[in-house]
Amino acid sequence: MTSFVRLSGLKAITVCAALSMTAGLALAGENIVPADQIVHALQPRSLTRGLSFGAPQVTPAVKMQQMRFINSIRNRNTRSLSLGERDHIAEISSPKPKIDLEIQFDFNSATISKASLPAAEELGKALSNPSLKGSTFVVAGNTDAVGSEPYNQALSDRRADTIKHFLVDNYGIKASDLITVGYGKTRLKDPEHPTAAINRRVEVVNMEAQTALK
């Protein structure tokens, strides 16, 4: 009985893919979110009006300012972003359609683990879906609280870059449509459990910036 309880607990811990703006969850024992669920979570506001009820309204002037900022950081090296720019990305991203994905990397490395390749492939399928064509996406790397702040910052930067290169190389997504940022351990999803696996995640945000406006 004790062994069964332990095994059940371990199985439950593996379910740490959290969806934002959708009630769908990965099946028990799975950490791979299907492409269709990712597409649904990242749909622009105009296509998910029911889900965006109560969201703050952005005036045309503010939206234009945001667009200028997004355009100013396109094709920027992740590590070149200042703290202020990282914070501004987080601020603009906050009300946007987003999803957190459990994509694990090899220990002390920015190489996607073999076990997480299927999860990365589902993300590639989703972002190349015609319904999301023209959008600009933020790919944000996050770590848990183990290790120093500089170490985690650099590691999250490299991991965000890895996801970007994977998507560009394997799914033909334009590099200019992917803005990468690393937050290190500054944006823990579960602050009460800073070393939990749920904090080690890749966040993808649809900034809803259309290609025609670039």
N, C-alpha and C. Protein backbone atom coordinates (compact mmCIF):
# COMPACT_ATOMS: atom_id res chain seq x y z
N MET A 1 0.84 -1.21 0.00
CA MET A 1 0.00 0.00 0.00
C MET A 1 0.87 1.26 0.00
N THR A 2 1.97 1.26 0.81
CA THR A 2 2.85 2.42 0.87
C THR A 2 3.47 2.71 -0.48
N SER A 3 3.93 1.66 -1.18
CA SER A 3 4.53 1.84 -2.50
C SER A 3 3.53 2.42 -3.47
N PHE A 4 2.29 1.95 -3.40
CA PHE A 4 1.25 2.45 -4.31
C PHE A 4 1.02 3.94 -4.08
N VAL A 5 0.96 4.36 -2.81
CA VAL A 5 0.74 5.77 -2.50
C VAL A 5 1.87 6.61 -3.03
N ARG A 6 3.12 6.14 -2.87
CA ARG A 6 4.26 6.90 -3.35
C ARG A 6 4.24 7.04 -4.86
N LEU A 7 3.93 5.94 -5.54
CA LEU A 7 3.87 5.99 -7.00
C LEU A 7 2.78 6.93 -7.47
N SER A 8 1.64 6.90 -6.81
CA SER A 8 0.53 7.79 -7.19
C SER A 8 0.94 9.24 -7.00
N GLY A 9 1.66 9.53 -5.91
CA GLY A 9 2.09 10.90 -5.67
C GLY A 9 3.05 11.40 -6.73
N LEU A 10 4.00 10.54 -7.13
CA LEU A 10 4.95 10.91 -8.17
C LEU A 10 4.24 11.18 -9.48
N LYS A 11 3.24 10.36 -9.79
CA LYS A 11 2.50 10.53 -11.04
C LYS A 11 1.77 11.86 -11.04
N ALA A 12 1.21 12.24 -9.89
CA ALA A 12 0.47 13.50 -9.82
C ALA A 12 1.39 14.69 -9.99
N ILE A 13 2.63 14.60 -9.47
CA ILE A 13 3.57 15.71 -9.56
C ILE A 13 3.94 16.01 -11.00
N THR A 14 3.93 14.98 -11.85
CA THR A 14 4.34 15.20 -13.24
C THR A 14 3.35 16.04 -14.02
N VAL A 15 2.15 16.21 -13.50
CA VAL A 15 1.15 16.99 -14.23
C VAL A 15 1.34 18.46 -13.86
N CYS A 16 2.23 19.16 -14.55
CA CYS A 16 2.54 20.54 -14.17
C CYS A 16 2.50 21.47 -15.36
N ALA A 17 1.80 21.10 -16.40
CA ALA A 17 1.59 22.03 -17.52
C ALA A 17 0.35 22.84 -17.23
N ALA A 18 0.51 24.11 -17.00
CA ALA A 18 -0.63 24.95 -16.62
C ALA A 18 -1.08 25.78 -17.80
N LEU A 19 -2.36 25.71 -18.12
CA LEU A 19 -2.90 26.50 -19.22
C LEU A 19 -3.42 27.82 -18.68
N SER A 20 -3.19 28.90 -19.43
CA SER A 20 -3.74 30.21 -19.08
C SER A 20 -4.82 30.57 -20.07
N MET A 21 -5.93 31.13 -19.56
CA MET A 21 -7.08 31.54 -20.37
C MET A 21 -7.84 30.36 -20.96
N THR A 22 -7.67 29.18 -20.39
CA THR A 22 -8.46 28.04 -20.83
C THR A 22 -8.60 27.08 -19.68
N ALA A 23 -9.71 26.39 -19.63
CA ALA A 23 -9.94 25.48 -18.52
C ALA A 23 -9.35 24.11 -18.78
N GLY A 24 -8.83 23.88 -20.00
CA GLY A 24 -8.31 22.57 -20.34
C GLY A 24 -7.03 22.27 -19.60
N LEU A 25 -6.87 21.04 -19.16
CA LEU A 25 -5.65 20.61 -18.49
C LEU A 25 -5.11 19.39 -19.20
N ALA A 26 -3.78 19.19 -19.09
CA ALA A 26 -3.18 17.99 -19.65
C ALA A 26 -3.74 16.78 -18.92
N LEU A 27 -3.83 15.67 -19.60
CA LEU A 27 -4.34 14.45 -18.99
C LEU A 27 -3.42 14.01 -17.87
N ALA A 28 -3.98 13.37 -16.88
CA ALA A 28 -3.19 12.90 -15.75
C ALA A 28 -2.05 12.02 -16.22
N GLY A 29 -0.84 12.30 -15.68
CA GLY A 29 0.32 11.52 -16.05
C GLY A 29 0.98 12.04 -17.31
N GLU A 30 0.44 13.07 -17.93
CA GLU A 30 1.02 13.62 -19.15
C GLU A 30 1.56 15.01 -18.87
N ASN A 31 2.65 15.40 -19.53
CA ASN A 31 3.13 16.77 -19.45
C ASN A 31 3.25 17.37 -20.83
N ILE A 32 2.58 16.77 -21.79
CA ILE A 32 2.58 17.26 -23.16
C ILE A 32 1.22 17.86 -23.46
N VAL A 33 1.18 19.16 -23.72
CA VAL A 33 -0.07 19.83 -24.06
C VAL A 33 -0.24 19.75 -25.57
N PRO A 34 -1.34 19.18 -26.08
CA PRO A 34 -1.56 19.05 -27.52
C PRO A 34 -1.59 20.39 -28.22
N ALA A 35 -1.20 20.39 -29.49
CA ALA A 35 -1.14 21.62 -30.27
C ALA A 35 -2.47 22.36 -30.30
N ASP A 36 -3.57 21.62 -30.40
CA ASP A 36 -4.87 22.30 -30.49
C ASP A 36 -5.20 23.07 -29.21
N GLN A 37 -4.78 22.55 -28.06
CA GLN A 37 -5.01 23.26 -26.81
C GLN A 37 -4.13 24.51 -26.72
N ILE A 38 -2.92 24.42 -27.24
CA ILE A 38 -2.04 25.58 -27.26
C ILE A 38 -2.62 26.66 -28.17
N VAL A 39 -3.10 26.25 -29.34
CA VAL A 39 -3.70 27.20 -30.28
C VAL A 39 -4.88 27.90 -29.61
N HIS A 40 -5.72 27.12 -28.93
CA HIS A 40 -6.90 27.70 -28.28
C HIS A 40 -6.49 28.73 -27.23
N ALA A 41 -5.47 28.40 -26.43
CA ALA A 41 -5.02 29.32 -25.37
C ALA A 41 -4.43 30.60 -25.92
N LEU A 42 -3.85 30.52 -27.12
CA LEU A 42 -3.16 31.68 -27.69
C LEU A 42 -3.99 32.45 -28.70
N GLN A 43 -5.27 32.11 -28.85
CA GLN A 43 -6.09 32.82 -29.82
C GLN A 43 -6.16 34.31 -29.47
N PRO A 44 -6.09 35.20 -30.47
CA PRO A 44 -6.22 36.64 -30.22
C PRO A 44 -7.53 36.95 -29.52
N ARG A 45 -7.57 38.07 -28.83
CA ARG A 45 -8.74 38.46 -28.05
C ARG A 45 -10.02 38.48 -28.88
N SER A 46 -9.91 38.98 -30.10
CA SER A 46 -11.10 39.10 -30.93
C SER A 46 -11.76 37.77 -31.22
N LEU A 47 -10.98 36.67 -31.08
CA LEU A 47 -11.50 35.34 -31.33
C LEU A 47 -11.88 34.62 -30.05
N THR A 48 -11.61 35.23 -28.92
CA THR A 48 -11.93 34.61 -27.62
C THR A 48 -12.62 35.64 -26.73
N ARG A 49 -13.62 36.31 -27.28
CA ARG A 49 -14.27 37.38 -26.54
C ARG A 49 -14.85 36.88 -25.23
N GLY A 50 -15.39 35.69 -25.23
CA GLY A 50 -15.98 35.17 -24.00
C GLY A 50 -14.96 34.98 -22.91
N LEU A 51 -13.71 34.66 -23.31
CA LEU A 51 -12.67 34.42 -22.32
C LEU A 51 -12.03 35.71 -21.85
N SER A 52 -12.18 36.78 -22.60
CA SER A 52 -11.51 38.02 -22.25
C SER A 52 -12.42 38.98 -21.50
N PHE A 53 -13.58 38.51 -21.08
CA PHE A 53 -14.52 39.36 -20.37
C PHE A 53 -13.85 39.94 -19.12
N GLY A 54 -13.96 41.26 -18.97
CA GLY A 54 -13.38 41.90 -17.80
C GLY A 54 -11.93 42.28 -17.98
N ALA A 55 -11.31 41.95 -19.12
CA ALA A 55 -9.92 42.30 -19.35
C ALA A 55 -9.81 43.81 -19.54
N PRO A 56 -8.70 44.42 -19.07
CA PRO A 56 -8.55 45.86 -19.20
C PRO A 56 -8.49 46.28 -20.66
N GLN A 57 -9.14 47.40 -20.98
CA GLN A 57 -9.15 47.91 -22.33
C GLN A 57 -7.87 48.71 -22.59
N VAL A 58 -7.31 48.55 -23.78
CA VAL A 58 -6.11 49.27 -24.17
C VAL A 58 -6.49 50.29 -25.22
N THR A 59 -6.19 51.55 -24.96
CA THR A 59 -6.54 52.61 -25.90
C THR A 59 -5.65 52.51 -27.14
N PRO A 60 -6.10 53.05 -28.27
CA PRO A 60 -5.27 53.02 -29.49
C PRO A 60 -3.90 53.64 -29.28
N ALA A 61 -3.83 54.72 -28.49
CA ALA A 61 -2.55 55.38 -28.26
C ALA A 61 -1.59 54.47 -27.49
N VAL A 62 -2.11 53.81 -26.45
CA VAL A 62 -1.27 52.89 -25.67
C VAL A 62 -0.86 51.70 -26.52
N LYS A 63 -1.79 51.19 -27.32
CA LYS A 63 -1.48 50.07 -28.19
C LYS A 63 -0.37 50.43 -29.17
N MET A 64 -0.40 51.64 -29.69
CA MET A 64 0.64 52.08 -30.61
C MET A 64 1.99 52.16 -29.91
N GLN A 65 1.99 52.65 -28.66
CA GLN A 65 3.23 52.70 -27.89
C GLN A 65 3.78 51.30 -27.66
N GLN A 66 2.88 50.37 -27.36
CA GLN A 66 3.31 48.99 -27.16
C GLN A 66 3.90 48.41 -28.44
N MET A 67 3.27 48.72 -29.56
CA MET A 67 3.74 48.22 -30.85
C MET A 67 5.14 48.75 -31.15
N ARG A 68 5.37 50.03 -30.86
CA ARG A 68 6.69 50.61 -31.09
C ARG A 68 7.74 49.91 -30.24
N PHE A 69 7.36 49.63 -28.99
CA PHE A 69 8.30 48.95 -28.11
C PHE A 69 8.60 47.54 -28.62
N ILE A 70 7.55 46.81 -28.99
CA ILE A 70 7.74 45.45 -29.51
C ILE A 70 8.64 45.47 -30.73
N ASN A 71 8.40 46.41 -31.63
CA ASN A 71 9.23 46.50 -32.83
C ASN A 71 10.67 46.85 -32.50
N SER A 72 10.88 47.61 -31.42
CA SER A 72 12.24 48.02 -31.05
C SER A 72 13.08 46.86 -30.50
N ILE A 73 12.40 45.80 -30.03
CA ILE A 73 13.16 44.67 -29.47
C ILE A 73 13.13 43.45 -30.37
N ARG A 74 12.52 43.59 -31.55
CA ARG A 74 12.55 42.48 -32.51
C ARG A 74 14.00 42.20 -32.92
N ASN A 75 14.31 40.92 -33.01
CA ASN A 75 15.65 40.49 -33.45
C ASN A 75 16.76 40.90 -32.49
N ARG A 76 16.38 41.32 -31.27
CA ARG A 76 17.39 41.65 -30.27
C ARG A 76 17.91 40.38 -29.63
N ASN A 77 19.18 40.38 -29.29
CA ASN A 77 19.75 39.28 -28.54
C ASN A 77 19.13 39.25 -27.15
N THR A 78 18.74 38.08 -26.71
CA THR A 78 18.04 37.96 -25.43
C THR A 78 18.83 38.59 -24.29
N ARG A 79 20.13 38.34 -24.28
CA ARG A 79 20.96 38.83 -23.18
C ARG A 79 21.17 40.34 -23.22
N SER A 80 20.81 40.97 -24.34
CA SER A 80 21.01 42.42 -24.45
C SER A 80 19.87 43.21 -23.83
N LEU A 81 18.79 42.53 -23.46
CA LEU A 81 17.66 43.22 -22.87
C LEU A 81 18.00 43.75 -21.48
N SER A 82 17.64 45.00 -21.23
CA SER A 82 17.87 45.58 -19.91
C SER A 82 16.80 45.10 -18.94
N LEU A 83 17.04 45.33 -17.66
CA LEU A 83 16.05 44.95 -16.65
C LEU A 83 14.74 45.69 -16.90
N GLY A 84 14.83 46.96 -17.27
CA GLY A 84 13.63 47.73 -17.55
C GLY A 84 12.85 47.18 -18.73
N GLU A 85 13.56 46.73 -19.75
CA GLU A 85 12.90 46.16 -20.93
C GLU A 85 12.24 44.83 -20.59
N ARG A 86 12.91 44.03 -19.76
CA ARG A 86 12.32 42.75 -19.34
C ARG A 86 11.03 43.00 -18.55
N ASP A 87 11.09 43.99 -17.67
CA ASP A 87 9.90 44.31 -16.87
C ASP A 87 8.77 44.82 -17.76
N HIS A 88 9.11 45.60 -18.78
CA HIS A 88 8.09 46.15 -19.66
C HIS A 88 7.45 45.04 -20.50
N ILE A 89 8.26 44.09 -20.94
CA ILE A 89 7.71 42.93 -21.66
C ILE A 89 6.71 42.20 -20.78
N ALA A 90 7.09 41.99 -19.52
CA ALA A 90 6.21 41.29 -18.58
C ALA A 90 4.92 42.07 -18.36
N GLU A 91 5.02 43.40 -18.28
CA GLU A 91 3.84 44.24 -18.06
C GLU A 91 2.88 44.17 -19.25
N ILE A 92 3.44 44.30 -20.46
CA ILE A 92 2.59 44.24 -21.65
C ILE A 92 2.00 42.85 -21.83
N SER A 93 2.77 41.82 -21.49
CA SER A 93 2.34 40.44 -21.67
C SER A 93 1.22 40.03 -20.73
N SER A 94 1.15 40.69 -19.58
CA SER A 94 0.26 40.25 -18.51
C SER A 94 -1.18 39.96 -18.94
N PRO A 95 -1.85 40.85 -19.70
CA PRO A 95 -3.24 40.57 -20.06
C PRO A 95 -3.40 39.80 -21.38
N LYS A 96 -2.30 39.44 -22.00
CA LYS A 96 -2.36 38.82 -23.32
C LYS A 96 -2.63 37.31 -23.22
N PRO A 97 -3.12 36.70 -24.31
CA PRO A 97 -3.31 35.24 -24.33
C PRO A 97 -1.97 34.55 -24.13
N LYS A 98 -1.92 33.59 -23.23
CA LYS A 98 -0.64 32.96 -22.92
C LYS A 98 -0.83 31.53 -22.46
N ILE A 99 0.27 30.82 -22.40
CA ILE A 99 0.25 29.45 -21.91
C ILE A 99 1.61 29.12 -21.30
N ASP A 100 1.62 28.38 -20.20
CA ASP A 100 2.84 27.87 -19.59
C ASP A 100 3.01 26.42 -19.98
N LEU A 101 4.21 26.06 -20.41
CA LEU A 101 4.47 24.69 -20.83
C LEU A 101 5.66 24.12 -20.07
N GLU A 102 5.55 22.86 -19.71
CA GLU A 102 6.67 22.17 -19.09
C GLU A 102 7.56 21.62 -20.20
N ILE A 103 8.63 22.34 -20.50
CA ILE A 103 9.63 21.86 -21.45
C ILE A 103 10.94 21.79 -20.68
N GLN A 104 11.38 20.59 -20.40
CA GLN A 104 12.57 20.39 -19.59
C GLN A 104 13.84 20.37 -20.45
N PHE A 105 14.95 20.71 -19.82
CA PHE A 105 16.24 20.75 -20.49
C PHE A 105 17.21 19.83 -19.77
N ASP A 106 18.26 19.45 -20.46
CA ASP A 106 19.28 18.64 -19.81
C ASP A 106 19.87 19.43 -18.63
N PHE A 107 20.36 18.72 -17.64
CA PHE A 107 20.87 19.34 -16.42
C PHE A 107 21.96 20.36 -16.73
N ASN A 108 21.82 21.55 -16.15
CA ASN A 108 22.81 22.61 -16.31
C ASN A 108 23.09 22.92 -17.78
N SER A 109 22.02 22.85 -18.59
CA SER A 109 22.20 22.96 -20.03
C SER A 109 20.99 23.64 -20.65
N ALA A 110 21.19 24.15 -21.89
CA ALA A 110 20.08 24.74 -22.64
C ALA A 110 19.60 23.79 -23.73
N THR A 111 20.01 22.53 -23.64
CA THR A 111 19.58 21.52 -24.61
C THR A 111 18.26 20.91 -24.17
N ILE A 112 17.27 20.93 -25.06
CA ILE A 112 15.97 20.34 -24.73
C ILE A 112 16.15 18.85 -24.47
N SER A 113 15.59 18.37 -23.37
CA SER A 113 15.73 16.95 -23.06
C SER A 113 14.95 16.11 -24.06
N LYS A 114 15.37 14.89 -24.26
CA LYS A 114 14.69 13.99 -25.21
C LYS A 114 13.23 13.80 -24.80
N ALA A 115 13.00 13.71 -23.50
CA ALA A 115 11.63 13.49 -23.02
C ALA A 115 10.72 14.68 -23.34
N SER A 116 11.29 15.88 -23.48
CA SER A 116 10.48 17.07 -23.72
C SER A 116 10.41 17.46 -25.20
N LEU A 117 11.10 16.74 -26.06
CA LEU A 117 11.02 17.06 -27.49
C LEU A 117 9.58 17.00 -28.02
N PRO A 118 8.78 15.99 -27.64
CA PRO A 118 7.38 15.97 -28.12
C PRO A 118 6.61 17.22 -27.69
N ALA A 119 6.87 17.74 -26.49
CA ALA A 119 6.19 18.95 -26.02
C ALA A 119 6.61 20.15 -26.87
N ALA A 120 7.89 20.23 -27.21
CA ALA A 120 8.38 21.31 -28.06
C ALA A 120 7.80 21.20 -29.47
N GLU A 121 7.64 19.96 -29.93
CA GLU A 121 7.06 19.74 -31.27
C GLU A 121 5.60 20.19 -31.32
N GLU A 122 4.86 19.93 -30.25
CA GLU A 122 3.46 20.38 -30.20
C GLU A 122 3.39 21.91 -30.23
N LEU A 123 4.34 22.56 -29.57
CA LEU A 123 4.39 24.02 -29.61
C LEU A 123 4.67 24.50 -31.03
N GLY A 124 5.59 23.83 -31.72
CA GLY A 124 5.89 24.19 -33.10
C GLY A 124 4.68 24.06 -34.00
N LYS A 125 3.94 22.97 -33.84
CA LYS A 125 2.72 22.77 -34.64
C LYS A 125 1.71 23.88 -34.36
N ALA A 126 1.60 24.25 -33.10
CA ALA A 126 0.62 25.26 -32.72
C ALA A 126 0.97 26.63 -33.29
N LEU A 127 2.21 27.05 -33.15
CA LEU A 127 2.59 28.39 -33.60
C LEU A 127 2.62 28.51 -35.12
N SER A 128 2.67 27.39 -35.82
CA SER A 128 2.61 27.43 -37.28
C SER A 128 1.19 27.21 -37.79
N ASN A 129 0.23 27.13 -36.87
CA ASN A 129 -1.17 26.98 -37.26
C ASN A 129 -1.65 28.25 -37.98
N PRO A 130 -2.39 28.12 -39.08
CA PRO A 130 -2.86 29.29 -39.84
C PRO A 130 -3.65 30.30 -39.01
N SER A 131 -4.36 29.83 -37.98
CA SER A 131 -5.17 30.74 -37.18
C SER A 131 -4.33 31.70 -36.35
N LEU A 132 -3.04 31.40 -36.18
CA LEU A 132 -2.15 32.28 -35.42
C LEU A 132 -1.18 33.03 -36.33
N LYS A 133 -1.34 32.86 -37.63
CA LYS A 133 -0.43 33.49 -38.58
C LYS A 133 -0.44 35.00 -38.43
N GLY A 134 0.75 35.59 -38.44
CA GLY A 134 0.88 37.03 -38.35
C GLY A 134 1.11 37.55 -36.95
N SER A 135 0.94 36.71 -35.95
CA SER A 135 1.13 37.16 -34.57
C SER A 135 2.60 37.15 -34.18
N THR A 136 2.92 37.99 -33.22
CA THR A 136 4.25 37.99 -32.63
C THR A 136 4.15 37.33 -31.26
N PHE A 137 5.08 36.44 -30.97
CA PHE A 137 5.04 35.68 -29.72
C PHE A 137 6.25 36.00 -28.85
N VAL A 138 6.01 36.14 -27.57
CA VAL A 138 7.09 36.22 -26.60
C VAL A 138 7.33 34.81 -26.08
N VAL A 139 8.58 34.37 -26.11
CA VAL A 139 8.98 33.08 -25.54
C VAL A 139 9.84 33.39 -24.33
N ALA A 140 9.31 33.11 -23.15
CA ALA A 140 9.99 33.48 -21.91
C ALA A 140 10.47 32.25 -21.15
N GLY A 141 11.73 32.26 -20.78
CA GLY A 141 12.29 31.17 -19.99
C GLY A 141 12.24 31.50 -18.51
N ASN A 142 11.87 30.53 -17.70
CA ASN A 142 11.79 30.69 -16.25
C ASN A 142 12.46 29.51 -15.56
N THR A 143 13.12 29.77 -14.45
CA THR A 143 13.77 28.72 -13.68
C THR A 143 13.14 28.61 -12.30
N ASP A 144 13.57 27.61 -11.53
CA ASP A 144 13.17 27.56 -10.13
C ASP A 144 14.17 28.40 -9.34
N ALA A 145 14.11 28.35 -8.02
CA ALA A 145 14.93 29.22 -7.19
C ALA A 145 16.27 28.61 -6.80
N VAL A 146 16.59 27.44 -7.31
CA VAL A 146 17.87 26.82 -6.97
C VAL A 146 18.98 27.53 -7.73
N GLY A 147 20.01 27.96 -7.03
CA GLY A 147 21.13 28.62 -7.68
C GLY A 147 21.05 30.13 -7.55
N SER A 148 22.12 30.80 -7.95
CA SER A 148 22.20 32.25 -7.81
C SER A 148 21.35 32.95 -8.86
N GLU A 149 21.05 34.21 -8.61
CA GLU A 149 20.24 34.98 -9.55
C GLU A 149 20.95 35.16 -10.90
N PRO A 150 22.24 35.54 -10.92
CA PRO A 150 22.92 35.68 -12.21
C PRO A 150 22.96 34.38 -13.00
N TYR A 151 23.19 33.27 -12.30
CA TYR A 151 23.25 31.97 -12.97
C TYR A 151 21.91 31.64 -13.61
N ASN A 152 20.83 31.79 -12.85
CA ASN A 152 19.50 31.47 -13.36
C ASN A 152 19.07 32.41 -14.48
N GLN A 153 19.48 33.67 -14.39
CA GLN A 153 19.15 34.62 -15.45
C GLN A 153 19.80 34.19 -16.77
N ALA A 154 21.08 33.87 -16.70
CA ALA A 154 21.79 33.45 -17.92
C ALA A 154 21.22 32.15 -18.47
N LEU A 155 20.87 31.23 -17.58
CA LEU A 155 20.34 29.93 -18.02
C LEU A 155 18.96 30.12 -18.67
N SER A 156 18.13 30.96 -18.10
CA SER A 156 16.80 31.18 -18.69
C SER A 156 16.91 31.89 -20.04
N ASP A 157 17.88 32.78 -20.19
CA ASP A 157 18.12 33.43 -21.48
C ASP A 157 18.47 32.39 -22.54
N ARG A 158 19.41 31.51 -22.21
CA ARG A 158 19.87 30.51 -23.17
C ARG A 158 18.75 29.51 -23.52
N ARG A 159 17.94 29.18 -22.56
CA ARG A 159 16.86 28.23 -22.82
C ARG A 159 15.77 28.85 -23.69
N ALA A 160 15.48 30.13 -23.47
CA ALA A 160 14.52 30.81 -24.34
C ALA A 160 15.05 30.86 -25.77
N ASP A 161 16.34 31.12 -25.92
CA ASP A 161 16.95 31.15 -27.25
C ASP A 161 16.87 29.78 -27.91
N THR A 162 17.07 28.72 -27.12
CA THR A 162 17.00 27.37 -27.67
C THR A 162 15.62 27.08 -28.26
N ILE A 163 14.57 27.46 -27.53
CA ILE A 163 13.21 27.24 -28.03
C ILE A 163 13.00 28.02 -29.32
N LYS A 164 13.47 29.26 -29.37
CA LYS A 164 13.33 30.07 -30.57
C LYS A 164 14.00 29.39 -31.76
N HIS A 165 15.25 28.96 -31.59
CA HIS A 165 15.96 28.32 -32.69
C HIS A 165 15.27 27.03 -33.13
N PHE A 166 14.73 26.29 -32.17
CA PHE A 166 14.02 25.06 -32.48
C PHE A 166 12.82 25.35 -33.36
N LEU A 167 12.07 26.38 -33.02
CA LEU A 167 10.86 26.73 -33.78
C LEU A 167 11.20 27.26 -35.16
N VAL A 168 12.24 28.06 -35.25
CA VAL A 168 12.65 28.63 -36.54
C VAL A 168 13.20 27.54 -37.45
N ASP A 169 14.05 26.68 -36.91
CA ASP A 169 14.73 25.66 -37.71
C ASP A 169 13.80 24.53 -38.14
N ASN A 170 12.84 24.19 -37.31
CA ASN A 170 12.01 23.01 -37.58
C ASN A 170 10.61 23.30 -38.07
N TYR A 171 10.13 24.53 -37.85
CA TYR A 171 8.74 24.83 -38.22
C TYR A 171 8.60 26.08 -39.09
N GLY A 172 9.72 26.61 -39.54
CA GLY A 172 9.68 27.72 -40.48
C GLY A 172 9.07 28.99 -39.94
N ILE A 173 9.04 29.14 -38.62
CA ILE A 173 8.50 30.36 -38.02
C ILE A 173 9.55 31.46 -38.14
N LYS A 174 9.13 32.64 -38.53
CA LYS A 174 10.07 33.75 -38.71
C LYS A 174 10.70 34.13 -37.38
N ALA A 175 12.02 34.33 -37.41
CA ALA A 175 12.72 34.73 -36.20
C ALA A 175 12.19 36.05 -35.66
N SER A 176 11.78 36.95 -36.56
CA SER A 176 11.27 38.26 -36.14
C SER A 176 9.91 38.16 -35.46
N ASP A 177 9.25 37.02 -35.60
CA ASP A 177 7.95 36.81 -34.94
C ASP A 177 8.11 36.25 -33.53
N LEU A 178 9.35 35.99 -33.10
CA LEU A 178 9.60 35.41 -31.80
C LEU A 178 10.53 36.32 -31.00
N ILE A 179 10.02 36.86 -29.92
CA ILE A 179 10.81 37.69 -29.02
C ILE A 179 11.15 36.86 -27.79
N THR A 180 12.42 36.71 -27.50
CA THR A 180 12.83 35.87 -26.38
C THR A 180 13.26 36.71 -25.19
N VAL A 181 12.92 36.24 -24.01
CA VAL A 181 13.30 36.92 -22.78
C VAL A 181 13.47 35.87 -21.69
N GLY A 182 14.44 36.08 -20.85
CA GLY A 182 14.65 35.20 -19.70
C GLY A 182 14.33 35.95 -18.42
N TYR A 183 13.61 35.30 -17.52
CA TYR A 183 13.27 35.92 -16.24
C TYR A 183 13.99 35.27 -15.06
N GLY A 184 14.79 34.26 -15.35
CA GLY A 184 15.49 33.59 -14.26
C GLY A 184 14.52 33.07 -13.21
N LYS A 185 14.81 33.40 -11.95
CA LYS A 185 13.93 32.94 -10.86
C LYS A 185 13.09 34.08 -10.29
N THR A 186 12.94 35.15 -11.09
CA THR A 186 12.22 36.33 -10.59
C THR A 186 10.71 36.23 -10.71
N ARG A 187 10.21 35.27 -11.50
CA ARG A 187 8.76 35.18 -11.72
C ARG A 187 8.30 33.74 -11.43
N LEU A 188 8.46 33.32 -10.20
CA LEU A 188 8.08 31.97 -9.81
C LEU A 188 6.57 31.79 -9.92
N LYS A 189 6.16 30.69 -10.51
CA LYS A 189 4.72 30.41 -10.63
C LYS A 189 4.15 29.96 -9.29
N ASP A 190 4.98 29.30 -8.49
CA ASP A 190 4.56 28.84 -7.16
C ASP A 190 5.57 29.34 -6.13
N PRO A 191 5.46 30.60 -5.71
CA PRO A 191 6.43 31.18 -4.77
C PRO A 191 6.53 30.45 -3.44
N GLU A 192 5.45 29.79 -3.04
CA GLU A 192 5.46 29.07 -1.77
C GLU A 192 6.30 27.80 -1.86
N HIS A 193 6.55 27.33 -3.08
CA HIS A 193 7.39 26.16 -3.29
C HIS A 193 8.42 26.51 -4.37
N PRO A 194 9.41 27.32 -4.02
CA PRO A 194 10.34 27.89 -5.01
C PRO A 194 11.18 26.88 -5.78
N THR A 195 11.32 25.66 -5.27
CA THR A 195 12.13 24.67 -5.99
C THR A 195 11.26 23.69 -6.79
N ALA A 196 9.94 23.91 -6.79
CA ALA A 196 9.03 22.98 -7.47
C ALA A 196 9.23 23.02 -8.98
N ALA A 197 8.96 21.89 -9.62
CA ALA A 197 9.14 21.76 -11.07
C ALA A 197 8.25 22.72 -11.85
N ILE A 198 7.10 23.08 -11.29
CA ILE A 198 6.17 23.96 -12.01
C ILE A 198 6.78 25.32 -12.31
N ASN A 199 7.81 25.70 -11.54
CA ASN A 199 8.49 26.97 -11.77
C ASN A 199 9.43 26.91 -12.97
N ARG A 200 9.86 25.71 -13.33
CA ARG A 200 10.77 25.54 -14.46
C ARG A 200 9.93 25.37 -15.72
N ARG A 201 9.62 26.48 -16.36
CA ARG A 201 8.65 26.44 -17.44
C ARG A 201 9.03 27.40 -18.56
N VAL A 202 8.39 27.18 -19.70
CA VAL A 202 8.49 28.10 -20.82
C VAL A 202 7.13 28.75 -20.99
N GLU A 203 7.08 30.06 -20.92
CA GLU A 203 5.82 30.79 -21.10
C GLU A 203 5.79 31.35 -22.51
N VAL A 204 4.68 31.13 -23.20
CA VAL A 204 4.51 31.66 -24.56
C VAL A 204 3.33 32.61 -24.54
N VAL A 205 3.54 33.82 -25.05
CA VAL A 205 2.51 34.86 -25.03
C VAL A 205 2.26 35.34 -26.45
N ASN A 206 0.99 35.43 -26.82
CA ASN A 206 0.63 36.00 -28.12
C ASN A 206 0.46 37.50 -27.94
N MET A 207 1.43 38.27 -28.45
CA MET A 207 1.39 39.71 -28.30
C MET A 207 0.38 40.35 -29.26
N GLU A 208 -0.16 39.55 -30.17
CA GLU A 208 -1.20 40.00 -31.09
C GLU A 208 -0.74 41.13 -32.01
N ALA A 209 0.57 41.25 -32.17
CA ALA A 209 1.14 42.24 -33.08
C ALA A 209 1.19 41.63 -34.47
N GLN A 210 0.45 42.18 -35.39
CA GLN A 210 0.31 41.59 -36.72
C GLN A 210 1.49 41.93 -37.62
N THR A 211 1.79 40.99 -38.52
CA THR A 211 2.90 41.17 -39.44
C THR A 211 2.78 42.46 -40.24
N ALA A 212 1.55 42.80 -40.61
CA ALA A 212 1.32 43.97 -41.45
C ALA A 212 1.74 45.26 -40.75
N LEU A 213 1.86 45.21 -39.41
CA LEU A 213 2.19 46.41 -38.67
C LEU A 213 3.67 46.49 -38.35
N LYS A 214 4.44 45.51 -38.80
CA LYS A 214 5.88 45.51 -38.49
C LYS A 214 6.60 46.55 -39.33
